[in-house]
């Protein structure tokens, strides 16, 4: 049995409260990893072209107030 299969089996055996706790923990883990990836991408300049495009659109009047 692979590690993933073991995890899947364990998760299916959780009771309602354990599953809720696991879900909250897993969501927080995913959010933290997403934040780290965004920070890495921003620091490396990987997202610069998106900011440049947004600013160009704003200057060209291609935006609207929120």
N, C-alpha and C. Protein backbone atom coordinates (compact mmCIF):
# COMPACT_ATOMS: atom_id res chain seq x y z
N UNK A 1 0.85 -1.18 0.00
CA UNK A 1 0.00 0.00 0.00
C UNK A 1 0.89 1.24 0.00
N UNK A 2 0.60 2.19 -0.89
CA UNK A 2 1.39 3.41 -0.96
C UNK A 2 1.05 4.33 0.20
N UNK A 3 1.88 5.32 0.41
CA UNK A 3 1.63 6.30 1.46
C UNK A 3 0.30 7.00 1.22
N UNK A 4 0.03 7.36 -0.04
CA UNK A 4 -1.23 8.03 -0.36
C UNK A 4 -2.42 7.13 -0.06
N UNK A 5 -2.33 5.87 -0.41
CA UNK A 5 -3.42 4.93 -0.12
C UNK A 5 -3.65 4.79 1.38
N UNK A 6 -2.57 4.81 2.16
CA UNK A 6 -2.68 4.72 3.62
C UNK A 6 -3.39 5.97 4.16
N UNK A 7 -3.02 7.12 3.63
CA UNK A 7 -3.66 8.37 4.07
C UNK A 7 -5.14 8.36 3.72
N UNK A 8 -5.46 7.98 2.48
CA UNK A 8 -6.86 7.92 2.06
C UNK A 8 -7.66 6.99 2.95
N UNK A 9 -7.11 5.83 3.25
CA UNK A 9 -7.80 4.87 4.12
C UNK A 9 -8.01 5.47 5.51
N UNK A 10 -6.98 6.09 6.04
CA UNK A 10 -7.09 6.69 7.37
C UNK A 10 -8.14 7.80 7.40
N UNK A 11 -8.17 8.62 6.37
CA UNK A 11 -9.13 9.72 6.33
C UNK A 11 -10.56 9.18 6.26
N UNK A 12 -10.77 8.15 5.49
CA UNK A 12 -12.13 7.60 5.39
C UNK A 12 -12.61 6.99 6.70
N UNK A 13 -11.69 6.67 7.59
CA UNK A 13 -12.05 6.07 8.87
C UNK A 13 -12.26 7.10 9.98
N UNK A 14 -12.05 8.37 9.70
CA UNK A 14 -12.23 9.41 10.71
C UNK A 14 -13.70 9.61 11.02
N UNK A 15 -14.00 9.90 12.29
CA UNK A 15 -15.38 10.26 12.61
C UNK A 15 -15.62 11.72 12.21
N UNK A 16 -16.84 12.17 12.38
CA UNK A 16 -17.22 13.51 11.93
C UNK A 16 -16.33 14.61 12.51
N UNK A 17 -16.08 14.57 13.80
CA UNK A 17 -15.29 15.61 14.46
C UNK A 17 -13.82 15.55 14.03
N UNK A 18 -13.31 14.35 13.91
CA UNK A 18 -11.93 14.19 13.46
C UNK A 18 -11.77 14.68 12.01
N UNK A 19 -12.76 14.38 11.18
CA UNK A 19 -12.71 14.83 9.79
C UNK A 19 -12.77 16.36 9.69
N UNK A 20 -13.60 16.97 10.52
CA UNK A 20 -13.67 18.44 10.55
C UNK A 20 -12.33 19.03 10.98
N UNK A 21 -11.71 18.45 11.99
CA UNK A 21 -10.41 18.93 12.46
C UNK A 21 -9.34 18.72 11.39
N UNK A 22 -9.36 17.56 10.76
CA UNK A 22 -8.40 17.28 9.70
C UNK A 22 -8.59 18.25 8.54
N UNK A 23 -9.84 18.49 8.16
CA UNK A 23 -10.13 19.40 7.05
C UNK A 23 -9.62 20.80 7.34
N UNK A 24 -9.84 21.28 8.55
CA UNK A 24 -9.35 22.61 8.93
C UNK A 24 -7.84 22.66 8.89
N UNK A 25 -7.19 21.62 9.40
CA UNK A 25 -5.73 21.57 9.38
C UNK A 25 -5.21 21.55 7.94
N UNK A 26 -5.82 20.73 7.09
CA UNK A 26 -5.35 20.60 5.71
C UNK A 26 -5.56 21.90 4.94
N UNK A 27 -6.68 22.57 5.18
CA UNK A 27 -6.93 23.86 4.52
C UNK A 27 -5.88 24.89 4.94
N UNK A 28 -5.54 24.91 6.21
CA UNK A 28 -4.50 25.82 6.69
C UNK A 28 -3.14 25.49 6.08
N UNK A 29 -2.85 24.21 5.95
CA UNK A 29 -1.59 23.79 5.32
C UNK A 29 -1.53 24.26 3.88
N UNK A 30 -2.61 24.06 3.13
CA UNK A 30 -2.64 24.50 1.74
C UNK A 30 -2.49 26.01 1.63
N UNK A 31 -3.15 26.76 2.49
CA UNK A 31 -3.06 28.22 2.47
C UNK A 31 -1.64 28.67 2.77
N UNK A 32 -1.00 28.03 3.74
CA UNK A 32 0.37 28.41 4.10
C UNK A 32 1.33 28.12 2.94
N UNK A 33 1.16 26.99 2.28
CA UNK A 33 2.01 26.65 1.13
C UNK A 33 1.77 27.61 -0.03
N UNK A 34 0.51 27.99 -0.25
CA UNK A 34 0.17 28.95 -1.29
C UNK A 34 0.86 30.29 -1.00
N UNK A 35 0.76 30.75 0.25
CA UNK A 35 1.40 32.00 0.64
C UNK A 35 2.91 31.96 0.38
N UNK A 36 3.54 30.86 0.77
CA UNK A 36 4.99 30.71 0.56
C UNK A 36 5.33 30.76 -0.93
N UNK A 37 4.52 30.08 -1.75
CA UNK A 37 4.78 30.07 -3.19
C UNK A 37 4.61 31.47 -3.78
N UNK A 38 3.57 32.18 -3.35
CA UNK A 38 3.35 33.55 -3.84
C UNK A 38 4.51 34.46 -3.44
N UNK A 39 4.99 34.32 -2.20
CA UNK A 39 6.12 35.12 -1.75
C UNK A 39 7.36 34.82 -2.58
N UNK A 40 7.60 33.55 -2.85
CA UNK A 40 8.75 33.15 -3.67
C UNK A 40 8.63 33.71 -5.08
N UNK A 41 7.45 33.57 -5.67
CA UNK A 41 7.24 34.07 -7.03
C UNK A 41 7.39 35.59 -7.09
N UNK A 42 6.85 36.29 -6.10
CA UNK A 42 6.95 37.75 -6.08
C UNK A 42 8.40 38.19 -5.92
N UNK A 43 9.12 37.55 -5.03
CA UNK A 43 10.52 37.92 -4.78
C UNK A 43 11.40 37.65 -5.99
N UNK A 44 11.04 36.65 -6.78
CA UNK A 44 11.86 36.29 -7.95
C UNK A 44 11.52 37.15 -9.17
N UNK A 45 10.47 37.95 -9.08
CA UNK A 45 10.06 38.77 -10.21
C UNK A 45 9.11 38.07 -11.16
N UNK A 46 8.73 36.87 -10.81
CA UNK A 46 7.87 36.06 -11.67
C UNK A 46 6.50 36.71 -11.93
N UNK A 47 6.06 37.57 -11.01
CA UNK A 47 4.75 38.19 -11.13
C UNK A 47 4.80 39.62 -11.66
N UNK A 48 6.00 40.12 -11.93
CA UNK A 48 6.16 41.51 -12.34
C UNK A 48 5.35 41.87 -13.58
N UNK A 49 5.30 40.95 -14.55
CA UNK A 49 4.58 41.28 -15.78
C UNK A 49 3.08 41.47 -15.53
N UNK A 50 2.52 40.81 -14.52
CA UNK A 50 1.11 41.02 -14.19
C UNK A 50 0.90 42.43 -13.64
N UNK A 51 1.79 42.88 -12.77
CA UNK A 51 1.69 44.23 -12.22
C UNK A 51 1.86 45.27 -13.32
N UNK A 52 2.82 45.05 -14.20
CA UNK A 52 3.05 45.99 -15.30
C UNK A 52 1.82 46.08 -16.21
N UNK A 53 1.20 44.94 -16.50
CA UNK A 53 0.01 44.92 -17.35
C UNK A 53 -1.13 45.65 -16.65
N UNK A 54 -1.32 45.41 -15.37
CA UNK A 54 -2.40 46.08 -14.62
C UNK A 54 -2.19 47.58 -14.60
N UNK A 55 -0.96 48.02 -14.36
CA UNK A 55 -0.68 49.46 -14.35
C UNK A 55 -0.89 50.07 -15.74
N UNK A 56 -0.49 49.37 -16.77
CA UNK A 56 -0.67 49.87 -18.14
C UNK A 56 -2.17 49.99 -18.45
N UNK A 57 -2.94 49.00 -18.06
CA UNK A 57 -4.39 49.06 -18.27
C UNK A 57 -5.00 50.23 -17.51
N UNK A 58 -4.55 50.43 -16.27
CA UNK A 58 -5.06 51.54 -15.46
C UNK A 58 -4.75 52.88 -16.12
N UNK A 59 -3.51 53.05 -16.54
CA UNK A 59 -3.09 54.31 -17.18
C UNK A 59 -3.84 54.55 -18.49
N UNK A 60 -4.21 53.47 -19.18
CA UNK A 60 -4.92 53.59 -20.45
C UNK A 60 -6.42 53.74 -20.26
N UNK A 61 -6.87 53.78 -19.00
CA UNK A 61 -8.30 53.95 -18.73
C UNK A 61 -9.11 52.69 -18.96
N UNK A 62 -8.48 51.55 -18.93
CA UNK A 62 -9.18 50.29 -19.18
C UNK A 62 -9.68 49.62 -17.91
N UNK A 63 -9.81 50.37 -16.86
CA UNK A 63 -10.26 49.81 -15.58
C UNK A 63 -11.54 50.53 -15.15
N UNK A 64 -12.17 49.98 -14.14
CA UNK A 64 -13.36 50.61 -13.58
C UNK A 64 -13.28 50.54 -12.06
N UNK A 65 -13.92 51.48 -11.38
CA UNK A 65 -13.90 51.46 -9.91
C UNK A 65 -14.55 50.19 -9.37
N UNK A 66 -14.06 49.75 -8.24
CA UNK A 66 -14.67 48.58 -7.59
C UNK A 66 -15.89 48.98 -6.81
